């Protein structure tokens, strides 16, 4: 199995990092793109060098690398996750504006009818954000906001992050037990 992961500059870089850890644990091949602004966010929020994050993936690509295999429909993969997804990147994907690799790879994922999961990170949202989400959902993307479930009784931020990443893995049909499921 091959999954493309895009980490943008939206707050919540830990979500993308936790997804990379989970993919590695599940022995899933990961193809990572970190945007320029995500490099800044990773340093500010997580306190690590973006190269450490890149080393967690099987393959890593320059955010400007629109000439790479991820920009082509002939590169077969099992899905793409943009986590977290900035409103800028979401707008680019929703409107077919593929000026850098994350939006181009997402565009290709949609046109090839592969799974595309968008994890938007913004609050509150305005009507433009909501319309872009609707456009993406109508195009076949899954919109998965990082909203915690409180029935799991999270004890810390990692519990909340694990829940969101577990839901992403569920949509990708990757077996996992990284969060507490409803058992009633």
N, C-alpha and C. Protein backbone atom coordinates (compact mmCIF):
# COMPACT_ATOMS: atom_id res chain seq x y z
N UNK A 1 0.84 -1.18 0.00
CA UNK A 1 0.00 0.00 0.00
C UNK A 1 0.89 1.25 0.00
N UNK A 2 0.48 2.28 -0.75
CA UNK A 2 1.21 3.54 -0.84
C UNK A 2 0.26 4.69 -0.53
N UNK A 3 0.67 5.57 0.38
CA UNK A 3 -0.14 6.73 0.74
C UNK A 3 0.71 7.99 0.58
N UNK A 4 0.14 9.02 -0.05
CA UNK A 4 0.78 10.32 -0.19
C UNK A 4 0.29 11.19 0.96
N UNK A 5 1.23 11.86 1.63
CA UNK A 5 0.90 12.73 2.76
C UNK A 5 1.40 14.13 2.44
N UNK A 6 0.50 15.10 2.53
CA UNK A 6 0.88 16.50 2.39
C UNK A 6 0.68 17.19 3.72
N UNK A 7 1.72 17.85 4.20
CA UNK A 7 1.63 18.64 5.44
C UNK A 7 1.77 20.10 5.05
N UNK A 8 0.73 20.89 5.34
CA UNK A 8 0.76 22.32 4.99
C UNK A 8 1.06 23.15 6.23
N UNK A 9 1.08 24.46 6.07
CA UNK A 9 1.46 25.36 7.15
C UNK A 9 0.38 25.65 8.16
N UNK A 10 -0.79 25.04 8.03
CA UNK A 10 -1.84 25.24 9.03
C UNK A 10 -1.38 24.72 10.38
N UNK A 11 -1.93 25.29 11.43
CA UNK A 11 -1.64 24.79 12.77
C UNK A 11 -2.10 23.33 12.87
N UNK A 12 -1.33 22.54 13.58
CA UNK A 12 -1.67 21.13 13.73
C UNK A 12 -0.69 20.20 13.05
N UNK A 13 0.56 20.64 12.92
CA UNK A 13 1.58 19.80 12.27
C UNK A 13 1.70 18.43 12.92
N UNK A 14 1.41 18.36 14.21
CA UNK A 14 1.51 17.08 14.92
C UNK A 14 0.59 16.03 14.32
N UNK A 15 -0.52 16.45 13.70
CA UNK A 15 -1.43 15.50 13.06
C UNK A 15 -0.74 14.77 11.91
N UNK A 16 -0.02 15.51 11.07
CA UNK A 16 0.71 14.89 9.97
C UNK A 16 1.83 13.99 10.46
N UNK A 17 2.51 14.43 11.50
CA UNK A 17 3.60 13.64 12.07
C UNK A 17 3.07 12.33 12.65
N UNK A 18 1.98 12.42 13.38
CA UNK A 18 1.38 11.21 13.97
C UNK A 18 0.89 10.26 12.88
N UNK A 19 0.37 10.81 11.78
CA UNK A 19 -0.04 9.95 10.67
C UNK A 19 1.16 9.22 10.08
N UNK A 20 2.27 9.92 9.90
CA UNK A 20 3.48 9.26 9.37
C UNK A 20 3.92 8.12 10.30
N UNK A 21 3.87 8.35 11.61
CA UNK A 21 4.23 7.29 12.57
C UNK A 21 3.31 6.10 12.43
N UNK A 22 2.01 6.38 12.31
CA UNK A 22 1.03 5.29 12.20
C UNK A 22 1.20 4.51 10.90
N UNK A 23 1.49 5.21 9.80
CA UNK A 23 1.72 4.52 8.52
C UNK A 23 2.95 3.63 8.61
N UNK A 24 3.99 4.13 9.26
CA UNK A 24 5.21 3.34 9.43
C UNK A 24 4.91 2.09 10.26
N UNK A 25 4.16 2.26 11.36
CA UNK A 25 3.80 1.12 12.21
C UNK A 25 2.98 0.08 11.44
N UNK A 26 2.15 0.57 10.51
CA UNK A 26 1.30 -0.32 9.71
C UNK A 26 2.02 -0.87 8.48
N UNK A 27 3.29 -0.50 8.34
CA UNK A 27 4.12 -0.94 7.21
C UNK A 27 3.54 -0.50 5.87
N UNK A 28 3.05 0.74 5.86
CA UNK A 28 2.49 1.35 4.65
C UNK A 28 3.54 2.30 4.09
N UNK A 29 3.79 2.22 2.80
CA UNK A 29 4.76 3.09 2.14
C UNK A 29 4.22 4.52 2.08
N UNK A 30 5.02 5.47 2.58
CA UNK A 30 4.57 6.86 2.61
C UNK A 30 5.41 7.73 1.68
N UNK A 31 4.70 8.67 1.03
CA UNK A 31 5.31 9.64 0.12
C UNK A 31 4.93 11.01 0.66
N UNK A 32 5.91 11.76 1.15
CA UNK A 32 5.66 12.98 1.93
C UNK A 32 6.05 14.25 1.17
N UNK A 33 5.15 15.24 1.29
CA UNK A 33 5.42 16.59 0.81
C UNK A 33 5.18 17.53 1.98
N UNK A 34 6.17 18.31 2.35
CA UNK A 34 6.04 19.32 3.40
C UNK A 34 6.13 20.68 2.72
N UNK A 35 5.09 21.50 2.87
CA UNK A 35 5.12 22.83 2.26
C UNK A 35 6.14 23.72 2.98
N UNK A 36 6.50 24.81 2.34
CA UNK A 36 7.45 25.76 2.94
C UNK A 36 6.92 26.29 4.27
N UNK A 37 5.64 26.65 4.31
CA UNK A 37 5.07 27.16 5.57
C UNK A 37 4.95 26.07 6.62
N UNK A 38 4.79 24.82 6.20
CA UNK A 38 4.75 23.72 7.17
C UNK A 38 6.09 23.57 7.87
N UNK A 39 7.17 23.86 7.18
CA UNK A 39 8.49 23.82 7.83
C UNK A 39 8.52 24.77 9.01
N UNK A 40 7.98 25.96 8.82
CA UNK A 40 7.93 26.97 9.89
C UNK A 40 7.03 26.47 11.03
N UNK A 41 5.87 25.93 10.68
CA UNK A 41 4.92 25.46 11.69
C UNK A 41 5.49 24.28 12.48
N UNK A 42 6.15 23.36 11.81
CA UNK A 42 6.74 22.20 12.49
C UNK A 42 7.75 22.68 13.54
N UNK A 43 8.61 23.60 13.16
CA UNK A 43 9.60 24.13 14.11
C UNK A 43 8.92 24.83 15.28
N UNK A 44 7.91 25.65 14.99
CA UNK A 44 7.24 26.44 16.03
C UNK A 44 6.38 25.58 16.97
N UNK A 45 5.62 24.64 16.40
CA UNK A 45 4.67 23.87 17.21
C UNK A 45 5.26 22.62 17.83
N UNK A 46 6.13 21.95 17.10
CA UNK A 46 6.64 20.66 17.56
C UNK A 46 8.07 20.77 18.07
N UNK A 47 8.79 21.79 17.60
CA UNK A 47 10.15 22.02 18.07
C UNK A 47 11.18 21.08 17.49
N UNK A 48 10.89 20.54 16.31
CA UNK A 48 11.87 19.66 15.67
C UNK A 48 12.16 20.18 14.27
N UNK A 49 13.25 19.72 13.71
CA UNK A 49 13.65 20.11 12.36
C UNK A 49 12.78 19.35 11.36
N UNK A 50 12.30 20.01 10.32
CA UNK A 50 11.48 19.32 9.31
C UNK A 50 12.18 18.12 8.68
N UNK A 51 13.51 18.11 8.65
CA UNK A 51 14.23 16.94 8.12
C UNK A 51 13.98 15.70 8.97
N UNK A 52 13.74 15.88 10.27
CA UNK A 52 13.38 14.73 11.12
C UNK A 52 12.04 14.15 10.68
N UNK A 53 11.13 15.02 10.30
CA UNK A 53 9.82 14.56 9.83
C UNK A 53 9.99 13.85 8.49
N UNK A 54 10.79 14.44 7.61
CA UNK A 54 11.03 13.81 6.30
C UNK A 54 11.62 12.42 6.46
N UNK A 55 12.46 12.22 7.46
CA UNK A 55 13.11 10.92 7.66
C UNK A 55 12.11 9.85 8.12
N UNK A 56 10.94 10.26 8.55
CA UNK A 56 9.92 9.31 8.96
C UNK A 56 9.21 8.67 7.77
N UNK A 57 9.30 9.32 6.61
CA UNK A 57 8.63 8.84 5.41
C UNK A 57 9.55 7.95 4.59
N UNK A 58 8.96 7.09 3.79
CA UNK A 58 9.76 6.28 2.87
C UNK A 58 10.35 7.12 1.76
N UNK A 59 9.58 8.13 1.32
CA UNK A 59 10.02 9.02 0.23
C UNK A 59 9.57 10.43 0.58
N UNK A 60 10.41 11.42 0.25
CA UNK A 60 10.08 12.81 0.51
C UNK A 60 10.36 13.63 -0.74
N UNK A 61 9.54 14.65 -0.97
CA UNK A 61 9.61 15.44 -2.20
C UNK A 61 9.63 16.93 -1.87
N UNK A 62 10.27 17.70 -2.73
CA UNK A 62 10.28 19.15 -2.60
C UNK A 62 8.87 19.67 -2.86
N UNK A 63 8.42 20.67 -2.10
CA UNK A 63 7.08 21.21 -2.34
C UNK A 63 6.94 21.88 -3.71
N UNK A 64 8.06 22.19 -4.34
CA UNK A 64 8.04 22.80 -5.67
C UNK A 64 8.19 21.76 -6.78
N UNK A 65 8.31 20.49 -6.42
CA UNK A 65 8.64 19.43 -7.37
C UNK A 65 7.51 18.96 -8.25
N UNK A 66 6.90 19.87 -9.00
CA UNK A 66 5.78 19.47 -9.85
C UNK A 66 6.21 18.58 -11.02
N UNK A 67 7.51 18.34 -11.14
CA UNK A 67 8.00 17.45 -12.19
C UNK A 67 8.17 16.01 -11.67
N UNK A 68 7.88 15.78 -10.38
CA UNK A 68 8.07 14.45 -9.79
C UNK A 68 6.93 13.52 -10.14
N UNK A 69 7.10 12.25 -9.83
CA UNK A 69 6.09 11.25 -10.16
C UNK A 69 4.75 11.50 -9.46
N UNK A 70 4.75 12.17 -8.32
CA UNK A 70 3.49 12.45 -7.62
C UNK A 70 2.58 13.37 -8.42
N UNK A 71 3.14 14.09 -9.38
CA UNK A 71 2.36 15.02 -10.20
C UNK A 71 1.73 14.34 -11.41
N UNK A 72 1.90 13.02 -11.51
CA UNK A 72 1.39 12.29 -12.67
C UNK A 72 0.37 11.24 -12.26
N UNK A 73 -0.68 11.13 -13.03
CA UNK A 73 -1.67 10.09 -12.79
C UNK A 73 -1.13 8.69 -13.00
N UNK A 74 0.01 8.57 -13.66
CA UNK A 74 0.58 7.24 -13.87
C UNK A 74 1.25 6.70 -12.61
N UNK A 75 1.46 7.56 -11.59
CA UNK A 75 1.98 7.08 -10.30
C UNK A 75 0.80 6.53 -9.51
N UNK A 76 0.77 5.23 -9.33
CA UNK A 76 -0.33 4.56 -8.65
C UNK A 76 -0.12 4.61 -7.15
N UNK A 77 -1.16 5.02 -6.45
CA UNK A 77 -1.13 5.00 -4.98
C UNK A 77 -2.53 4.71 -4.47
N UNK A 78 -2.63 4.52 -3.16
CA UNK A 78 -3.90 4.11 -2.57
C UNK A 78 -4.65 5.24 -1.90
N UNK A 79 -4.11 6.44 -1.96
CA UNK A 79 -4.80 7.58 -1.39
C UNK A 79 -3.83 8.67 -1.00
N UNK A 80 -4.39 9.85 -0.76
CA UNK A 80 -3.62 11.02 -0.34
C UNK A 80 -4.35 11.69 0.81
N UNK A 81 -3.56 12.17 1.77
CA UNK A 81 -4.09 12.88 2.92
C UNK A 81 -3.36 14.22 3.02
N UNK A 82 -4.11 15.31 3.08
CA UNK A 82 -3.52 16.62 3.34
C UNK A 82 -3.88 16.95 4.78
N UNK A 83 -2.84 16.88 5.65
CA UNK A 83 -3.05 16.90 7.10
C UNK A 83 -1.94 17.64 7.81
N UNK A 84 -2.13 18.77 8.41
CA UNK A 84 -3.33 19.57 8.33
C UNK A 84 -3.39 20.29 6.99
N UNK A 85 -4.56 20.71 6.62
CA UNK A 85 -4.74 21.40 5.35
C UNK A 85 -5.08 22.86 5.60
N UNK A 86 -4.22 23.75 5.13
CA UNK A 86 -4.49 25.19 5.24
C UNK A 86 -5.63 25.58 4.31
N UNK A 87 -6.25 26.69 4.60
CA UNK A 87 -7.32 27.19 3.75
C UNK A 87 -6.77 27.57 2.37
N UNK A 88 -5.52 28.02 2.32
CA UNK A 88 -4.88 28.35 1.04
C UNK A 88 -4.78 27.10 0.17
N UNK A 89 -4.27 26.02 0.74
CA UNK A 89 -4.11 24.78 -0.02
C UNK A 89 -5.47 24.21 -0.40
N UNK A 90 -6.42 24.27 0.53
CA UNK A 90 -7.76 23.76 0.22
C UNK A 90 -8.38 24.54 -0.93
N UNK A 91 -8.21 25.86 -0.93
CA UNK A 91 -8.74 26.69 -2.03
C UNK A 91 -8.07 26.32 -3.34
N UNK A 92 -6.75 26.09 -3.32
CA UNK A 92 -6.03 25.72 -4.54
C UNK A 92 -6.55 24.39 -5.09
N UNK A 93 -6.72 23.41 -4.21
CA UNK A 93 -7.21 22.09 -4.65
C UNK A 93 -8.63 22.21 -5.18
N UNK A 94 -9.48 22.92 -4.45
CA UNK A 94 -10.90 23.04 -4.84
C UNK A 94 -11.07 23.74 -6.17
N UNK A 95 -10.13 24.59 -6.52
CA UNK A 95 -10.25 25.37 -7.75
C UNK A 95 -9.27 24.95 -8.84
N UNK A 96 -8.63 23.79 -8.66
CA UNK A 96 -7.75 23.26 -9.70
C UNK A 96 -6.51 24.11 -9.95
N UNK A 97 -6.06 24.84 -8.95
CA UNK A 97 -4.89 25.70 -9.08
C UNK A 97 -3.68 24.95 -8.55
N UNK A 98 -2.98 24.27 -9.42
CA UNK A 98 -1.88 23.37 -9.04
C UNK A 98 -0.53 24.03 -9.22
N UNK A 99 -0.25 25.03 -8.40
CA UNK A 99 1.00 25.78 -8.54
C UNK A 99 2.17 25.15 -7.80
N UNK A 100 1.89 24.19 -6.92
CA UNK A 100 2.96 23.50 -6.18
C UNK A 100 2.55 22.03 -6.04
N UNK A 101 3.43 21.22 -5.46
CA UNK A 101 3.23 19.78 -5.53
C UNK A 101 2.05 19.27 -4.70
N UNK A 102 1.78 19.82 -3.54
CA UNK A 102 0.66 19.30 -2.75
C UNK A 102 -0.65 19.46 -3.53
N UNK A 103 -0.91 20.66 -4.04
CA UNK A 103 -2.17 20.86 -4.78
C UNK A 103 -2.19 20.07 -6.08
N UNK A 104 -1.05 19.92 -6.75
CA UNK A 104 -1.01 19.13 -7.98
C UNK A 104 -1.26 17.66 -7.69
N UNK A 105 -0.61 17.12 -6.66
CA UNK A 105 -0.80 15.70 -6.31
C UNK A 105 -2.25 15.45 -5.90
N UNK A 106 -2.86 16.39 -5.19
CA UNK A 106 -4.27 16.25 -4.80
C UNK A 106 -5.17 16.30 -6.03
N UNK A 107 -4.87 17.21 -6.95
CA UNK A 107 -5.63 17.32 -8.20
C UNK A 107 -5.58 16.00 -8.97
N UNK A 108 -4.39 15.43 -9.06
CA UNK A 108 -4.21 14.15 -9.76
C UNK A 108 -4.97 13.04 -9.03
N UNK A 109 -4.93 13.06 -7.70
CA UNK A 109 -5.65 12.06 -6.91
C UNK A 109 -7.14 12.11 -7.23
N UNK A 110 -7.70 13.30 -7.30
CA UNK A 110 -9.12 13.45 -7.63
C UNK A 110 -9.42 12.98 -9.05
N UNK A 111 -8.59 13.41 -10.02
CA UNK A 111 -8.89 13.06 -11.41
C UNK A 111 -8.75 11.56 -11.67
N UNK A 112 -7.92 10.89 -10.89
CA UNK A 112 -7.74 9.45 -11.03
C UNK A 112 -8.73 8.66 -10.16
N UNK A 113 -9.63 9.38 -9.48
CA UNK A 113 -10.67 8.77 -8.64
C UNK A 113 -10.09 7.94 -7.49
N UNK A 114 -9.00 8.45 -6.92
CA UNK A 114 -8.40 7.81 -5.74
C UNK A 114 -8.88 8.55 -4.50
N UNK A 115 -8.68 7.95 -3.34
CA UNK A 115 -9.11 8.57 -2.10
C UNK A 115 -8.28 9.82 -1.80
N UNK A 116 -8.97 10.92 -1.55
CA UNK A 116 -8.33 12.16 -1.11
C UNK A 116 -9.01 12.58 0.18
N UNK A 117 -8.22 12.70 1.24
CA UNK A 117 -8.73 13.11 2.54
C UNK A 117 -8.14 14.48 2.86
N UNK A 118 -9.02 15.42 3.15
CA UNK A 118 -8.61 16.77 3.51
C UNK A 118 -8.92 16.96 5.00
N UNK A 119 -7.90 17.34 5.77
CA UNK A 119 -8.06 17.59 7.20
C UNK A 119 -7.89 19.10 7.41
N UNK A 120 -9.00 19.85 7.23
CA UNK A 120 -8.91 21.32 7.29
C UNK A 120 -8.67 21.80 8.71
N UNK A 121 -7.80 22.78 8.85
CA UNK A 121 -7.47 23.29 10.18
C UNK A 121 -7.66 24.80 10.19
N UNK A 122 -8.84 25.20 10.57
CA UNK A 122 -9.17 26.62 10.70
C UNK A 122 -10.44 26.72 11.54
N UNK A 123 -10.53 27.78 12.31
CA UNK A 123 -11.77 28.02 13.05
C UNK A 123 -11.81 29.47 13.49
N UNK A 124 -12.92 30.14 13.40
CA UNK A 124 -14.13 29.69 12.71
C UNK A 124 -13.91 29.70 11.20
N UNK A 125 -14.84 29.12 10.49
CA UNK A 125 -14.74 29.08 9.03
C UNK A 125 -15.71 30.09 8.44
N UNK A 126 -15.30 30.66 7.32
CA UNK A 126 -16.21 31.58 6.62
C UNK A 126 -16.88 30.84 5.46
N UNK A 127 -17.75 31.52 4.78
CA UNK A 127 -18.53 30.90 3.70
C UNK A 127 -17.63 30.41 2.56
N UNK A 128 -16.52 31.10 2.32
CA UNK A 128 -15.59 30.67 1.26
C UNK A 128 -14.97 29.33 1.63
N UNK A 129 -14.55 29.17 2.89
CA UNK A 129 -13.98 27.90 3.34
C UNK A 129 -15.01 26.78 3.16
N UNK A 130 -16.24 27.06 3.59
CA UNK A 130 -17.30 26.05 3.50
C UNK A 130 -17.62 25.68 2.05
N UNK A 131 -17.63 26.67 1.18
CA UNK A 131 -17.88 26.38 -0.25
C UNK A 131 -16.76 25.55 -0.84
N UNK A 132 -15.52 25.86 -0.47
CA UNK A 132 -14.39 25.06 -0.97
C UNK A 132 -14.49 23.62 -0.48
N UNK A 133 -14.90 23.42 0.77
CA UNK A 133 -15.10 22.06 1.28
C UNK A 133 -16.20 21.35 0.52
N UNK A 134 -17.30 22.05 0.25
CA UNK A 134 -18.39 21.45 -0.52
C UNK A 134 -17.92 21.09 -1.92
N UNK A 135 -17.19 21.97 -2.56
CA UNK A 135 -16.65 21.68 -3.90
C UNK A 135 -15.80 20.43 -3.88
N UNK A 136 -14.94 20.31 -2.88
CA UNK A 136 -14.08 19.13 -2.78
C UNK A 136 -14.89 17.87 -2.49
N UNK A 137 -15.86 17.97 -1.60
CA UNK A 137 -16.70 16.80 -1.31
C UNK A 137 -17.47 16.36 -2.55
N UNK A 138 -17.98 17.32 -3.32
CA UNK A 138 -18.68 16.98 -4.55
C UNK A 138 -17.75 16.35 -5.58
N UNK A 139 -16.46 16.69 -5.51
CA UNK A 139 -15.47 16.11 -6.43
C UNK A 139 -14.98 14.74 -5.96
N UNK A 140 -15.40 14.32 -4.77
CA UNK A 140 -15.04 12.99 -4.29
C UNK A 140 -14.11 12.96 -3.10
N UNK A 141 -13.66 14.12 -2.62
CA UNK A 141 -12.77 14.14 -1.46
C UNK A 141 -13.56 13.88 -0.18
N UNK A 142 -12.87 13.37 0.82
CA UNK A 142 -13.43 13.21 2.16
C UNK A 142 -12.93 14.39 2.99
N UNK A 143 -13.85 15.12 3.60
CA UNK A 143 -13.49 16.24 4.46
C UNK A 143 -13.55 15.71 5.89
N UNK A 144 -12.38 15.71 6.57
CA UNK A 144 -12.28 15.12 7.89
C UNK A 144 -11.66 16.14 8.85
N UNK A 145 -12.49 17.07 9.37
CA UNK A 145 -11.94 18.05 10.30
C UNK A 145 -11.40 17.37 11.56
N UNK A 146 -10.35 17.92 12.13
CA UNK A 146 -9.76 17.29 13.32
C UNK A 146 -10.57 17.60 14.58
N UNK A 147 -11.75 17.00 14.65
CA UNK A 147 -12.65 17.21 15.78
C UNK A 147 -12.58 16.01 16.71
N UNK A 148 -12.32 16.26 17.99
CA UNK A 148 -12.21 15.14 18.92
C UNK A 148 -13.56 14.53 19.27
N UNK A 149 -13.53 13.29 19.67
CA UNK A 149 -14.71 12.63 20.23
C UNK A 149 -14.50 12.61 21.74
N UNK A 150 -15.46 13.08 22.47
CA UNK A 150 -15.28 13.15 23.92
C UNK A 150 -15.72 11.88 24.64
N UNK A 151 -16.42 10.97 23.93
CA UNK A 151 -16.76 9.69 24.55
C UNK A 151 -15.51 8.87 24.83
N UNK A 152 -14.41 9.20 24.17
CA UNK A 152 -13.15 8.48 24.42
C UNK A 152 -12.47 8.94 25.71
N UNK A 153 -12.99 10.01 26.31
CA UNK A 153 -12.44 10.59 27.54
C UNK A 153 -10.94 10.89 27.39
N UNK A 154 -10.59 11.74 26.40
CA UNK A 154 -9.17 12.03 26.18
C UNK A 154 -8.53 12.64 27.43
N UNK A 155 -7.33 12.17 27.71
CA UNK A 155 -6.60 12.64 28.89
C UNK A 155 -5.56 13.70 28.53
N UNK A 156 -5.20 13.77 27.23
CA UNK A 156 -4.18 14.72 26.81
C UNK A 156 -4.32 14.98 25.30
N UNK A 157 -3.49 15.86 24.81
CA UNK A 157 -3.53 16.22 23.39
C UNK A 157 -3.23 15.00 22.52
N UNK A 158 -2.32 14.15 22.95
CA UNK A 158 -1.98 12.96 22.15
C UNK A 158 -3.21 12.06 21.94
N UNK A 159 -4.06 11.95 22.95
CA UNK A 159 -5.28 11.15 22.79
C UNK A 159 -6.18 11.74 21.70
N UNK A 160 -6.27 13.07 21.65
CA UNK A 160 -7.09 13.74 20.64
C UNK A 160 -6.48 13.56 19.25
N UNK A 161 -5.17 13.73 19.16
CA UNK A 161 -4.46 13.56 17.89
C UNK A 161 -4.60 12.12 17.40
N UNK A 162 -4.45 11.16 18.31
CA UNK A 162 -4.58 9.74 17.94
C UNK A 162 -5.97 9.43 17.41
N UNK A 163 -7.00 10.03 18.01
CA UNK A 163 -8.36 9.82 17.54
C UNK A 163 -8.51 10.29 16.09
N UNK A 164 -8.04 11.49 15.81
CA UNK A 164 -8.17 12.05 14.46
C UNK A 164 -7.40 11.19 13.46
N UNK A 165 -6.17 10.84 13.79
CA UNK A 165 -5.36 10.02 12.89
C UNK A 165 -5.99 8.64 12.70
N UNK A 166 -6.56 8.09 13.76
CA UNK A 166 -7.25 6.80 13.64
C UNK A 166 -8.42 6.87 12.67
N UNK A 167 -9.15 7.99 12.69
CA UNK A 167 -10.26 8.17 11.75
C UNK A 167 -9.75 8.27 10.31
N UNK A 168 -8.60 8.93 10.12
CA UNK A 168 -7.98 8.99 8.78
C UNK A 168 -7.62 7.59 8.32
N UNK A 169 -7.00 6.82 9.20
CA UNK A 169 -6.62 5.44 8.85
C UNK A 169 -7.85 4.60 8.52
N UNK A 170 -8.95 4.81 9.24
CA UNK A 170 -10.19 4.09 8.95
C UNK A 170 -10.67 4.39 7.53
N UNK A 171 -10.65 5.66 7.14
CA UNK A 171 -11.10 6.04 5.79
C UNK A 171 -10.20 5.40 4.73
N UNK A 172 -8.92 5.25 5.06
CA UNK A 172 -7.97 4.62 4.13
C UNK A 172 -8.03 3.09 4.18
N UNK A 173 -8.88 2.54 5.02
CA UNK A 173 -9.00 1.09 5.21
C UNK A 173 -7.71 0.46 5.72
N UNK A 174 -7.02 1.19 6.62
CA UNK A 174 -5.80 0.67 7.24
C UNK A 174 -6.16 0.28 8.67
N UNK A 175 -6.10 -1.01 9.00
CA UNK A 175 -6.44 -1.45 10.35
C UNK A 175 -5.60 -0.72 11.40
N UNK A 176 -6.26 -0.33 12.50
CA UNK A 176 -5.53 0.36 13.56
C UNK A 176 -6.31 0.25 14.87
N UNK A 177 -5.57 0.46 15.93
CA UNK A 177 -6.16 0.50 17.27
C UNK A 177 -5.57 1.66 18.05
N UNK A 178 -5.39 2.80 17.37
CA UNK A 178 -4.71 3.91 18.06
C UNK A 178 -5.67 4.81 18.81
N UNK A 179 -6.98 4.51 18.75
CA UNK A 179 -7.93 5.29 19.54
C UNK A 179 -9.00 4.35 20.09
N UNK A 180 -9.69 4.81 21.12
CA UNK A 180 -10.74 4.04 21.74
C UNK A 180 -12.01 4.17 20.90
N UNK A 181 -12.53 3.03 20.49
CA UNK A 181 -13.75 3.02 19.69
C UNK A 181 -14.98 2.95 20.59
N UNK A 182 -16.10 3.41 20.06
CA UNK A 182 -17.35 3.36 20.79
C UNK A 182 -17.70 1.90 21.02
N UNK A 183 -17.94 1.52 22.25
CA UNK A 183 -18.25 0.14 22.59
C UNK A 183 -19.39 0.14 23.59
N UNK A 184 -20.58 0.23 23.07
CA UNK A 184 -21.73 0.34 23.96
C UNK A 184 -22.83 -0.60 23.55
